N, C-alpha and C. Protein backbone atom coordinates (compact mmCIF):
# COMPACT_ATOMS: atom_id res chain seq x y z
N MET A 1 0.82 -1.17 0.00
CA MET A 1 0.00 0.00 0.00
C MET A 1 0.88 1.25 0.00
N LEU A 2 1.99 1.21 0.71
CA LEU A 2 2.91 2.35 0.72
C LEU A 2 3.37 2.67 -0.70
N ALA A 3 3.74 1.64 -1.45
CA ALA A 3 4.21 1.85 -2.82
C ALA A 3 3.11 2.43 -3.70
N GLN A 4 1.87 1.99 -3.50
CA GLN A 4 0.75 2.53 -4.28
C GLN A 4 0.53 4.01 -3.97
N LEU A 5 0.54 4.34 -2.69
CA LEU A 5 0.32 5.73 -2.30
C LEU A 5 1.42 6.64 -2.84
N ALA A 6 2.67 6.19 -2.73
CA ALA A 6 3.79 6.99 -3.22
C ALA A 6 3.72 7.16 -4.73
N ALA A 7 3.40 6.09 -5.45
CA ALA A 7 3.30 6.16 -6.91
C ALA A 7 2.14 7.07 -7.32
N ASN A 8 1.02 7.00 -6.60
CA ASN A 8 -0.13 7.86 -6.90
C ASN A 8 0.23 9.33 -6.71
N LYS A 9 1.02 9.61 -5.68
CA LYS A 9 1.41 11.00 -5.42
C LYS A 9 2.42 11.48 -6.47
N LYS A 10 3.37 10.63 -6.82
CA LYS A 10 4.40 11.01 -7.78
C LYS A 10 3.84 11.11 -9.20
N VAL A 11 2.91 10.23 -9.56
CA VAL A 11 2.34 10.20 -10.92
C VAL A 11 0.81 10.22 -10.80
N PRO A 12 0.22 11.39 -10.58
CA PRO A 12 -1.23 11.46 -10.41
C PRO A 12 -2.03 11.25 -11.69
N ASP A 13 -1.40 11.43 -12.84
CA ASP A 13 -2.10 11.26 -14.12
C ASP A 13 -2.18 9.77 -14.45
N LYS A 14 -3.38 9.23 -14.41
CA LYS A 14 -3.58 7.78 -14.61
C LYS A 14 -3.23 7.29 -16.01
N THR A 15 -3.03 8.21 -16.95
CA THR A 15 -2.68 7.78 -18.30
C THR A 15 -1.19 7.48 -18.45
N HIS A 16 -0.38 7.85 -17.46
CA HIS A 16 1.07 7.59 -17.50
C HIS A 16 1.37 6.28 -16.75
N VAL A 17 0.91 5.20 -17.29
CA VAL A 17 0.99 3.89 -16.63
C VAL A 17 2.44 3.46 -16.38
N ILE A 18 3.29 3.62 -17.38
CA ILE A 18 4.69 3.18 -17.24
C ILE A 18 5.39 3.97 -16.14
N ASP A 19 5.17 5.29 -16.09
CA ASP A 19 5.78 6.12 -15.04
C ASP A 19 5.29 5.70 -13.67
N TRP A 20 3.99 5.44 -13.55
CA TRP A 20 3.43 5.00 -12.27
C TRP A 20 4.03 3.66 -11.85
N TYR A 21 4.10 2.76 -12.80
CA TYR A 21 4.64 1.42 -12.57
C TYR A 21 6.09 1.52 -12.07
N ASN A 22 6.89 2.36 -12.71
CA ASN A 22 8.29 2.53 -12.30
C ASN A 22 8.39 3.15 -10.91
N ALA A 23 7.55 4.14 -10.62
CA ALA A 23 7.56 4.76 -9.29
C ALA A 23 7.17 3.74 -8.22
N TYR A 24 6.19 2.91 -8.52
CA TYR A 24 5.74 1.87 -7.60
C TYR A 24 6.88 0.92 -7.24
N PHE A 25 7.57 0.43 -8.26
CA PHE A 25 8.65 -0.52 -8.01
C PHE A 25 9.89 0.15 -7.42
N ASP A 26 10.10 1.43 -7.69
CA ASP A 26 11.20 2.16 -7.04
C ASP A 26 11.01 2.16 -5.53
N VAL A 27 9.78 2.40 -5.08
CA VAL A 27 9.49 2.39 -3.65
C VAL A 27 9.74 1.01 -3.06
N LEU A 28 9.26 -0.03 -3.73
CA LEU A 28 9.47 -1.39 -3.22
C LEU A 28 10.96 -1.71 -3.10
N GLU A 29 11.74 -1.31 -4.10
CA GLU A 29 13.18 -1.56 -4.05
C GLU A 29 13.84 -0.77 -2.93
N ASN A 30 13.38 0.45 -2.69
CA ASN A 30 13.96 1.29 -1.64
C ASN A 30 13.68 0.78 -0.24
N ILE A 31 12.62 0.00 -0.07
CA ILE A 31 12.33 -0.55 1.26
C ILE A 31 12.82 -1.99 1.41
N GLY A 32 13.58 -2.46 0.40
CA GLY A 32 14.22 -3.76 0.56
C GLY A 32 13.71 -4.90 -0.28
N TRP A 33 12.69 -4.69 -1.05
CA TRP A 33 12.20 -5.77 -1.91
C TRP A 33 13.20 -6.01 -3.02
N VAL A 34 13.33 -7.26 -3.40
CA VAL A 34 14.18 -7.62 -4.54
C VAL A 34 13.26 -7.87 -5.73
N ILE A 35 13.41 -7.05 -6.75
CA ILE A 35 12.56 -7.17 -7.94
C ILE A 35 13.36 -7.85 -9.03
N GLN A 36 12.87 -8.98 -9.52
CA GLN A 36 13.59 -9.73 -10.54
C GLN A 36 13.29 -9.23 -11.95
N ASP A 37 12.08 -8.74 -12.16
CA ASP A 37 11.69 -8.40 -13.52
C ASP A 37 10.60 -7.33 -13.48
N ARG A 38 10.76 -6.29 -14.29
CA ARG A 38 9.76 -5.22 -14.35
C ARG A 38 9.02 -5.20 -15.68
N ARG A 39 9.15 -6.23 -16.46
CA ARG A 39 8.52 -6.23 -17.78
C ARG A 39 7.01 -6.35 -17.68
N PHE A 40 6.32 -5.78 -18.67
CA PHE A 40 4.89 -5.95 -18.80
C PHE A 40 4.63 -7.22 -19.59
N SER A 41 3.54 -7.88 -19.29
CA SER A 41 3.09 -9.03 -20.08
C SER A 41 1.73 -8.69 -20.65
N SER A 42 1.49 -9.15 -21.84
CA SER A 42 0.23 -8.87 -22.50
C SER A 42 -0.61 -10.14 -22.54
N TYR A 43 -1.84 -10.03 -22.09
CA TYR A 43 -2.75 -11.16 -22.10
C TYR A 43 -3.99 -10.78 -22.89
N LYS A 44 -4.43 -11.68 -23.73
CA LYS A 44 -5.62 -11.42 -24.53
C LYS A 44 -6.64 -12.52 -24.25
N GLU A 45 -7.88 -12.10 -24.15
CA GLU A 45 -8.96 -13.04 -23.92
C GLU A 45 -9.73 -13.25 -25.22
N HIS A 46 -10.19 -14.46 -25.40
CA HIS A 46 -11.11 -14.72 -26.50
C HIS A 46 -11.96 -15.91 -26.11
N ALA A 47 -13.18 -15.90 -26.57
CA ALA A 47 -14.13 -16.90 -26.13
C ALA A 47 -14.27 -18.05 -27.11
N ASP A 48 -14.17 -17.79 -28.39
CA ASP A 48 -14.41 -18.81 -29.40
C ASP A 48 -15.73 -19.55 -29.18
N GLY A 49 -16.76 -18.79 -28.86
CA GLY A 49 -18.09 -19.37 -28.74
C GLY A 49 -18.44 -19.87 -27.35
N LEU A 50 -17.54 -19.80 -26.40
CA LEU A 50 -17.82 -20.26 -25.04
C LEU A 50 -18.69 -19.21 -24.35
N GLU A 51 -19.84 -19.59 -23.90
CA GLU A 51 -20.74 -18.68 -23.21
C GLU A 51 -20.46 -18.74 -21.71
N ALA A 52 -20.92 -17.71 -20.99
CA ALA A 52 -20.66 -17.63 -19.55
C ALA A 52 -21.18 -18.85 -18.81
N HIS A 53 -22.38 -19.33 -19.15
CA HIS A 53 -22.92 -20.49 -18.43
C HIS A 53 -22.07 -21.73 -18.69
N GLU A 54 -21.47 -21.82 -19.88
CA GLU A 54 -20.58 -22.95 -20.16
C GLU A 54 -19.28 -22.82 -19.37
N ALA A 55 -18.80 -21.59 -19.25
CA ALA A 55 -17.58 -21.35 -18.48
C ALA A 55 -17.79 -21.71 -17.01
N ILE A 56 -18.98 -21.44 -16.50
CA ILE A 56 -19.28 -21.80 -15.11
C ILE A 56 -19.26 -23.31 -14.94
N LYS A 57 -19.81 -24.04 -15.91
CA LYS A 57 -19.78 -25.50 -15.85
C LYS A 57 -18.34 -26.02 -15.86
N VAL A 58 -17.50 -25.44 -16.71
CA VAL A 58 -16.09 -25.84 -16.78
C VAL A 58 -15.41 -25.54 -15.45
N ALA A 59 -15.65 -24.35 -14.89
CA ALA A 59 -15.05 -23.98 -13.60
C ALA A 59 -15.50 -24.94 -12.50
N THR A 60 -16.75 -25.35 -12.54
CA THR A 60 -17.27 -26.29 -11.54
C THR A 60 -16.50 -27.60 -11.57
N VAL A 61 -16.22 -28.09 -12.76
CA VAL A 61 -15.48 -29.35 -12.89
C VAL A 61 -14.04 -29.17 -12.43
N LEU A 62 -13.40 -28.07 -12.86
CA LEU A 62 -11.99 -27.86 -12.53
C LEU A 62 -11.76 -27.57 -11.06
N LEU A 63 -12.67 -26.84 -10.42
CA LEU A 63 -12.48 -26.44 -9.03
C LEU A 63 -13.17 -27.37 -8.04
N GLY A 64 -13.87 -28.36 -8.53
CA GLY A 64 -14.59 -29.34 -7.73
C GLY A 64 -14.64 -29.13 -6.23
N PRO A 65 -13.62 -29.57 -5.47
CA PRO A 65 -13.70 -29.52 -4.01
C PRO A 65 -13.34 -28.17 -3.41
N ALA A 66 -13.20 -27.13 -4.18
CA ALA A 66 -12.85 -25.82 -3.64
C ALA A 66 -14.05 -24.88 -3.74
N PRO A 67 -15.02 -25.00 -2.83
CA PRO A 67 -16.26 -24.23 -2.95
C PRO A 67 -16.06 -22.72 -2.89
N THR A 68 -15.12 -22.23 -2.12
CA THR A 68 -14.90 -20.79 -2.03
C THR A 68 -14.38 -20.25 -3.35
N ALA A 69 -13.43 -20.94 -3.94
CA ALA A 69 -12.88 -20.51 -5.23
C ALA A 69 -13.96 -20.57 -6.29
N LEU A 70 -14.77 -21.61 -6.26
CA LEU A 70 -15.85 -21.74 -7.23
C LEU A 70 -16.86 -20.60 -7.08
N ALA A 71 -17.22 -20.26 -5.85
CA ALA A 71 -18.17 -19.18 -5.63
C ALA A 71 -17.62 -17.86 -6.15
N LEU A 72 -16.34 -17.64 -5.98
CA LEU A 72 -15.70 -16.43 -6.48
C LEU A 72 -15.75 -16.37 -8.01
N VAL A 73 -15.44 -17.49 -8.66
CA VAL A 73 -15.47 -17.54 -10.12
C VAL A 73 -16.90 -17.33 -10.62
N VAL A 74 -17.86 -18.00 -10.01
CA VAL A 74 -19.25 -17.87 -10.45
C VAL A 74 -19.73 -16.43 -10.29
N SER A 75 -19.46 -15.80 -9.15
CA SER A 75 -19.94 -14.43 -8.96
C SER A 75 -19.26 -13.48 -9.94
N THR A 76 -18.01 -13.71 -10.26
CA THR A 76 -17.31 -12.87 -11.22
C THR A 76 -17.89 -13.03 -12.62
N LEU A 77 -18.15 -14.25 -13.03
CA LEU A 77 -18.70 -14.49 -14.36
C LEU A 77 -20.13 -14.00 -14.51
N GLU A 78 -20.88 -14.00 -13.42
CA GLU A 78 -22.28 -13.60 -13.50
C GLU A 78 -22.47 -12.10 -13.50
N GLU A 79 -21.45 -11.32 -13.13
CA GLU A 79 -21.58 -9.86 -13.09
C GLU A 79 -21.58 -9.25 -14.43
């Protein structure tokens, strides 16, 4: 939270994502965190015809005995 607050103060413009990101990790490094990598990763979603109700069925099978995780996934998909 300290790093977030400091980065928000240093880079208040939300459109300067890279500057905010660098300020955030500068704070973490200054308080002793060891940062191995600062690269961004790009993730893309695509459904290929999978509907939300089908995704819930898949999540049910995959998360079987983890009811809390399943409830979180279901509530997220239903929103």
